[in-house]
């Protein structure tokens, strides 16, 4: 049994070391690795910039619709909730009696103590002539930021990869 395995390894080694055996081009292996990494990075960029699906999309006239149509997005912030700031309604999917298309993002128009709930609350204007009082634990402050344009660095990376590929093809080892 050992002799058979040893013979098989010897035959394989001899076949690979012959003149006609294919040799692996290290440039092509590196290119494949870089290509796989590039696919992963591109996928992450696509998923990171995709907006989360909503049950009710924001309609024209809402604060959220105005932001998204003007190429703005929002990120959660640790800033305190204050008048003039933007907030996200964390419980919007569970509230009854909301107008259709109000969105999840609104602007704080007033803050104060809510004696009924025994905690701070804010009056939030969601646009479309709809303002409502919401307690602070159900809100999260957000920062409004412009949506980044496609990066020129990503285009540059593709150019470098193409140039590298053409160089690897020119410098193939002679058979």
C-alpha atoms as a PDB file:
ATOM      1  CA  UNK A   1       0.000   0.000   0.000  1.00  0.00           C
ATOM      2  CA  UNK A   2       2.787   2.426   0.942  1.00  0.00           C
ATOM      3  CA  UNK A   3       4.645   1.537  -2.228  1.00  0.00           C
ATOM      4  CA  UNK A   4       1.572   2.338  -4.347  1.00  0.00           C
ATOM      5  CA  UNK A   5       1.123   5.766  -2.695  1.00  0.00           C
ATOM      6  CA  UNK A   6       4.848   6.498  -3.045  1.00  0.00           C
ATOM      7  CA  UNK A   7       4.709   5.506  -6.722  1.00  0.00           C
ATOM      8  CA  UNK A   8       1.697   7.783  -7.316  1.00  0.00           C
ATOM      9  CA  UNK A   9       3.487  10.728  -5.699  1.00  0.00           C
ATOM     10  CA  UNK A  10       6.575   9.987  -7.771  1.00  0.00           C
ATOM     11  CA  UNK A  11       4.547   9.924 -10.981  1.00  0.00           C
ATOM     12  CA  UNK A  12       2.775  13.168 -10.104  1.00  0.00           C
ATOM     13  CA  UNK A  13       6.076  14.871  -9.205  1.00  0.00           C
ATOM     14  CA  UNK A  14       7.650  13.643 -12.442  1.00  0.00           C
ATOM     15  CA  UNK A  15       4.688  14.826 -14.496  1.00  0.00           C
ATOM     16  CA  UNK A  16       4.813  18.278 -12.931  1.00  0.00           C
ATOM     17  CA  UNK A  17       8.552  18.619 -13.403  1.00  0.00           C
ATOM     18  CA  UNK A  18       8.512  17.740 -17.115  1.00  0.00           C
ATOM     19  CA  UNK A  19       9.014  20.402 -19.735  1.00  0.00           C
ATOM     20  CA  UNK A  20       5.422  20.366 -20.984  1.00  0.00           C
ATOM     21  CA  UNK A  21       3.814  20.812 -17.539  1.00  0.00           C
ATOM     22  CA  UNK A  22       1.826  23.957 -16.928  1.00  0.00           C
ATOM     23  CA  UNK A  23       3.377  26.312 -14.399  1.00  0.00           C
ATOM     24  CA  UNK A  24       1.211  28.612 -12.327  1.00  0.00           C
ATOM     25  CA  UNK A  25       1.754  32.264 -13.092  1.00  0.00           C
ATOM     26  CA  UNK A  26       2.099  34.055  -9.725  1.00  0.00           C
ATOM     27  CA  UNK A  27       0.718  37.256 -11.247  1.00  0.00           C
ATOM     28  CA  UNK A  28      -2.536  35.546 -12.193  1.00  0.00           C
ATOM     29  CA  UNK A  29      -2.886  34.081  -8.694  1.00  0.00           C
ATOM     30  CA  UNK A  30      -2.381  37.528  -7.160  1.00  0.00           C
ATOM     31  CA  UNK A  31      -4.833  39.014  -9.648  1.00  0.00           C
ATOM     32  CA  UNK A  32      -7.478  36.465  -8.642  1.00  0.00           C
ATOM     33  CA  UNK A  33      -6.936  37.228  -4.961  1.00  0.00           C
ATOM     34  CA  UNK A  34      -7.158  40.966  -5.591  1.00  0.00           C
ATOM     35  CA  UNK A  35     -10.256  40.458  -7.723  1.00  0.00           C
ATOM     36  CA  UNK A  36     -11.978  38.505  -4.951  1.00  0.00           C
ATOM     37  CA  UNK A  37     -11.128  41.208  -2.424  1.00  0.00           C
ATOM     38  CA  UNK A  38     -12.395  43.838  -4.842  1.00  0.00           C
ATOM     39  CA  UNK A  39     -15.695  41.974  -5.252  1.00  0.00           C
ATOM     40  CA  UNK A  40     -16.067  41.836  -1.467  1.00  0.00           C
ATOM     41  CA  UNK A  41     -15.310  45.555  -1.071  1.00  0.00           C
ATOM     42  CA  UNK A  42     -17.732  46.464  -3.864  1.00  0.00           C
ATOM     43  CA  UNK A  43     -20.438  44.333  -2.249  1.00  0.00           C
ATOM     44  CA  UNK A  44     -19.886  46.018   1.098  1.00  0.00           C
ATOM     45  CA  UNK A  45     -20.097  49.461  -0.513  1.00  0.00           C
ATOM     46  CA  UNK A  46     -23.359  48.551  -2.212  1.00  0.00           C
ATOM     47  CA  UNK A  47     -24.917  47.181   0.958  1.00  0.00           C
ATOM     48  CA  UNK A  48     -23.666  49.998   3.152  1.00  0.00           C
ATOM     49  CA  UNK A  49     -25.201  52.672   0.973  1.00  0.00           C
ATOM     50  CA  UNK A  50     -28.519  50.930   0.482  1.00  0.00           C
ATOM     51  CA  UNK A  51     -31.327  52.436   2.527  1.00  0.00           C
ATOM     52  CA  UNK A  52     -33.224  50.114   4.798  1.00  0.00           C
ATOM     53  CA  UNK A  53     -36.637  49.164   3.449  1.00  0.00           C
ATOM     54  CA  UNK A  54     -39.563  50.830   5.154  1.00  0.00           C
ATOM     55  CA  UNK A  55     -43.096  49.638   5.510  1.00  0.00           C
ATOM     56  CA  UNK A  56     -44.400  53.074   4.486  1.00  0.00           C
ATOM     57  CA  UNK A  57     -42.083  55.110   2.245  1.00  0.00           C
ATOM     58  CA  UNK A  58     -41.837  58.834   2.900  1.00  0.00           C
ATOM     59  CA  UNK A  59     -44.035  60.891   0.588  1.00  0.00           C
ATOM     60  CA  UNK A  60     -43.429  64.380  -0.879  1.00  0.00           C
ATOM     61  CA  UNK A  61     -43.733  67.066   1.764  1.00  0.00           C
ATOM     62  CA  UNK A  62     -42.250  64.976   4.567  1.00  0.00           C
ATOM     63  CA  UNK A  63     -38.906  65.864   6.144  1.00  0.00           C
ATOM     64  CA  UNK A  64     -37.435  62.482   5.188  1.00  0.00           C
ATOM     65  CA  UNK A  65     -38.515  62.818   1.548  1.00  0.00           C
ATOM     66  CA  UNK A  66     -36.946  66.291   1.358  1.00  0.00           C
ATOM     67  CA  UNK A  67     -33.648  64.959   2.668  1.00  0.00           C
ATOM     68  CA  UNK A  68     -33.451  61.908   0.407  1.00  0.00           C
ATOM     69  CA  UNK A  69     -34.410  63.793  -2.759  1.00  0.00           C
ATOM     70  CA  UNK A  70     -31.693  66.383  -2.052  1.00  0.00           C
ATOM     71  CA  UNK A  71     -29.017  63.634  -1.711  1.00  0.00           C
ATOM     72  CA  UNK A  72     -28.799  63.672   2.055  1.00  0.00           C
ATOM     73  CA  UNK A  73     -28.855  60.770   4.463  1.00  0.00           C
ATOM     74  CA  UNK A  74     -28.639  60.456   8.230  1.00  0.00           C
ATOM     75  CA  UNK A  75     -26.473  58.662  10.746  1.00  0.00           C
ATOM     76  CA  UNK A  76     -27.232  58.019  14.398  1.00  0.00           C
ATOM     77  CA  UNK A  77     -25.633  60.579  16.665  1.00  0.00           C
ATOM     78  CA  UNK A  78     -24.823  60.730  20.365  1.00  0.00           C
ATOM     79  CA  UNK A  79     -25.759  64.422  20.438  1.00  0.00           C
ATOM     80  CA  UNK A  80     -28.522  65.415  22.846  1.00  0.00           C
ATOM     81  CA  UNK A  81     -32.005  65.938  21.434  1.00  0.00           C
ATOM     82  CA  UNK A  82     -32.562  69.679  21.109  1.00  0.00           C
ATOM     83  CA  UNK A  83     -34.814  72.173  19.330  1.00  0.00           C
ATOM     84  CA  UNK A  84     -33.872  72.482  15.649  1.00  0.00           C
ATOM     85  CA  UNK A  85     -32.166  69.083  15.549  1.00  0.00           C
ATOM     86  CA  UNK A  86     -33.221  66.060  13.530  1.00  0.00           C
ATOM     87  CA  UNK A  87     -34.433  62.866  15.168  1.00  0.00           C
ATOM     88  CA  UNK A  88     -35.426  59.387  14.065  1.00  0.00           C
ATOM     89  CA  UNK A  89     -38.606  57.867  15.478  1.00  0.00           C
ATOM     90  CA  UNK A  90     -37.471  54.460  16.735  1.00  0.00           C
ATOM     91  CA  UNK A  91     -41.035  53.235  17.239  1.00  0.00           C
ATOM     92  CA  UNK A  92     -42.546  54.409  13.918  1.00  0.00           C
ATOM     93  CA  UNK A  93     -43.395  50.873  12.807  1.00  0.00           C
ATOM     94  CA  UNK A  94     -45.473  50.304  15.956  1.00  0.00           C
ATOM     95  CA  UNK A  95     -47.391  53.598  16.259  1.00  0.00           C
ATOM     96  CA  UNK A  96     -51.076  53.657  15.432  1.00  0.00           C
ATOM     97  CA  UNK A  97     -52.793  56.606  13.763  1.00  0.00           C
ATOM     98  CA  UNK A  98     -49.834  57.931  11.789  1.00  0.00           C
ATOM     99  CA  UNK A  99     -50.506  59.655   8.491  1.00  0.00           C
ATOM    100  CA  UNK A 100     -49.413  57.691   5.436  1.00  0.00           C
ATOM    101  CA  UNK A 101     -45.919  58.623   4.206  1.00  0.00           C
ATOM    102  CA  UNK A 102     -44.803  60.724   7.170  1.00  0.00           C
ATOM    103  CA  UNK A 103     -41.346  59.037   7.251  1.00  0.00           C
ATOM    104  CA  UNK A 104     -39.122  58.250  10.220  1.00  0.00           C
ATOM    105  CA  UNK A 105     -37.082  61.487  10.290  1.00  0.00           C
ATOM    106  CA  UNK A 106     -38.414  64.711  11.773  1.00  0.00           C
ATOM    107  CA  UNK A 107     -37.248  68.033  13.173  1.00  0.00           C
ATOM    108  CA  UNK A 108     -37.610  68.875  16.863  1.00  0.00           C
ATOM    109  CA  UNK A 109     -39.689  72.033  17.365  1.00  0.00           C
ATOM    110  CA  UNK A 110     -40.011  71.945  21.169  1.00  0.00           C
ATOM    111  CA  UNK A 111     -38.812  69.964  24.178  1.00  0.00           C
ATOM    112  CA  UNK A 112     -40.163  69.734  27.697  1.00  0.00           C
ATOM    113  CA  UNK A 113     -41.153  67.569  30.625  1.00  0.00           C
ATOM    114  CA  UNK A 114     -44.082  65.220  30.022  1.00  0.00           C
ATOM    115  CA  UNK A 115     -45.806  64.780  33.396  1.00  0.00           C
ATOM    116  CA  UNK A 116     -47.976  61.899  32.111  1.00  0.00           C
ATOM    117  CA  UNK A 117     -44.940  59.779  31.220  1.00  0.00           C
ATOM    118  CA  UNK A 118     -42.667  61.307  33.863  1.00  0.00           C
ATOM    119  CA  UNK A 119     -39.838  61.933  31.371  1.00  0.00           C
ATOM    120  CA  UNK A 120     -38.606  64.408  28.758  1.00  0.00           C
ATOM    121  CA  UNK A 121     -40.485  64.618  25.468  1.00  0.00           C
ATOM    122  CA  UNK A 122     -40.179  66.485  22.186  1.00  0.00           C
ATOM    123  CA  UNK A 123     -42.620  67.857  19.666  1.00  0.00           C
ATOM    124  CA  UNK A 124     -41.421  66.515  16.326  1.00  0.00           C
ATOM    125  CA  UNK A 125     -42.429  67.974  12.956  1.00  0.00           C
ATOM    126  CA  UNK A 126     -42.433  65.244  10.299  1.00  0.00           C
ATOM    127  CA  UNK A 127     -43.699  67.563   7.555  1.00  0.00           C
ATOM    128  CA  UNK A 128     -46.960  67.124   5.653  1.00  0.00           C
ATOM    129  CA  UNK A 129     -48.639  69.250   8.378  1.00  0.00           C
ATOM    130  CA  UNK A 130     -48.017  66.578  11.005  1.00  0.00           C
ATOM    131  CA  UNK A 131     -46.362  67.231  14.368  1.00  0.00           C
ATOM    132  CA  UNK A 132     -46.554  64.927  17.366  1.00  0.00           C
ATOM    133  CA  UNK A 133     -45.190  64.682  20.888  1.00  0.00           C
ATOM    134  CA  UNK A 134     -42.815  61.736  21.462  1.00  0.00           C
ATOM    135  CA  UNK A 135     -40.873  60.856  24.632  1.00  0.00           C
ATOM    136  CA  UNK A 136     -37.076  60.902  24.406  1.00  0.00           C
ATOM    137  CA  UNK A 137     -36.510  57.122  24.850  1.00  0.00           C
ATOM    138  CA  UNK A 138     -38.468  56.556  21.607  1.00  0.00           C
ATOM    139  CA  UNK A 139     -36.296  59.017  19.652  1.00  0.00           C
ATOM    140  CA  UNK A 140     -32.703  59.018  18.510  1.00  0.00           C
ATOM    141  CA  UNK A 141     -30.768  62.103  17.484  1.00  0.00           C
ATOM    142  CA  UNK A 142     -29.411  61.895  13.944  1.00  0.00           C
ATOM    143  CA  UNK A 143     -26.860  63.883  11.994  1.00  0.00           C
ATOM    144  CA  UNK A 144     -27.712  64.862   8.437  1.00  0.00           C
ATOM    145  CA  UNK A 145     -24.855  64.227   6.000  1.00  0.00           C
ATOM    146  CA  UNK A 146     -24.559  64.410   2.204  1.00  0.00           C
ATOM    147  CA  UNK A 147     -24.612  61.110   0.342  1.00  0.00           C
ATOM    148  CA  UNK A 148     -21.046  60.466  -0.845  1.00  0.00           C
ATOM    149  CA  UNK A 149     -20.494  60.375  -4.575  1.00  0.00           C
ATOM    150  CA  UNK A 150     -18.788  57.341  -6.128  1.00  0.00           C
ATOM    151  CA  UNK A 151     -15.197  57.437  -5.036  1.00  0.00           C
ATOM    152  CA  UNK A 152     -12.545  58.288  -7.577  1.00  0.00           C
ATOM    153  CA  UNK A 153     -10.243  56.058  -5.545  1.00  0.00           C
ATOM    154  CA  UNK A 154     -12.378  53.063  -6.517  1.00  0.00           C
ATOM    155  CA  UNK A 155     -11.980  53.991 -10.194  1.00  0.00           C
ATOM    156  CA  UNK A 156      -8.254  54.438  -9.636  1.00  0.00           C
ATOM    157  CA  UNK A 157      -8.085  50.981  -8.042  1.00  0.00           C
ATOM    158  CA  UNK A 158      -9.638  49.420 -11.148  1.00  0.00           C
ATOM    159  CA  UNK A 159      -7.057  51.212 -13.313  1.00  0.00           C
ATOM    160  CA  UNK A 160      -4.180  49.947 -11.187  1.00  0.00           C
ATOM    161  CA  UNK A 161      -5.525  46.389 -11.389  1.00  0.00           C
ATOM    162  CA  UNK A 162      -5.800  46.574 -15.175  1.00  0.00           C
ATOM    163  CA  UNK A 163      -2.285  47.972 -15.490  1.00  0.00           C
ATOM    164  CA  UNK A 164      -0.943  45.253 -13.210  1.00  0.00           C
ATOM    165  CA  UNK A 165      -2.680  42.580 -15.268  1.00  0.00           C
ATOM    166  CA  UNK A 166      -1.213  43.859 -18.509  1.00  0.00           C
ATOM    167  CA  UNK A 167       2.273  43.930 -16.952  1.00  0.00           C
ATOM    168  CA  UNK A 168       1.883  40.350 -15.690  1.00  0.00           C
ATOM    169  CA  UNK A 169       0.854  39.192 -19.142  1.00  0.00           C
ATOM    170  CA  UNK A 170       3.882  40.852 -20.753  1.00  0.00           C
ATOM    171  CA  UNK A 171       6.316  39.283 -18.288  1.00  0.00           C
ATOM    172  CA  UNK A 172       5.157  35.654 -18.576  1.00  0.00           C
ATOM    173  CA  UNK A 173       7.993  33.224 -17.973  1.00  0.00           C
ATOM    174  CA  UNK A 174       9.414  31.652 -21.128  1.00  0.00           C
ATOM    175  CA  UNK A 175       8.592  27.973 -21.626  1.00  0.00           C
END
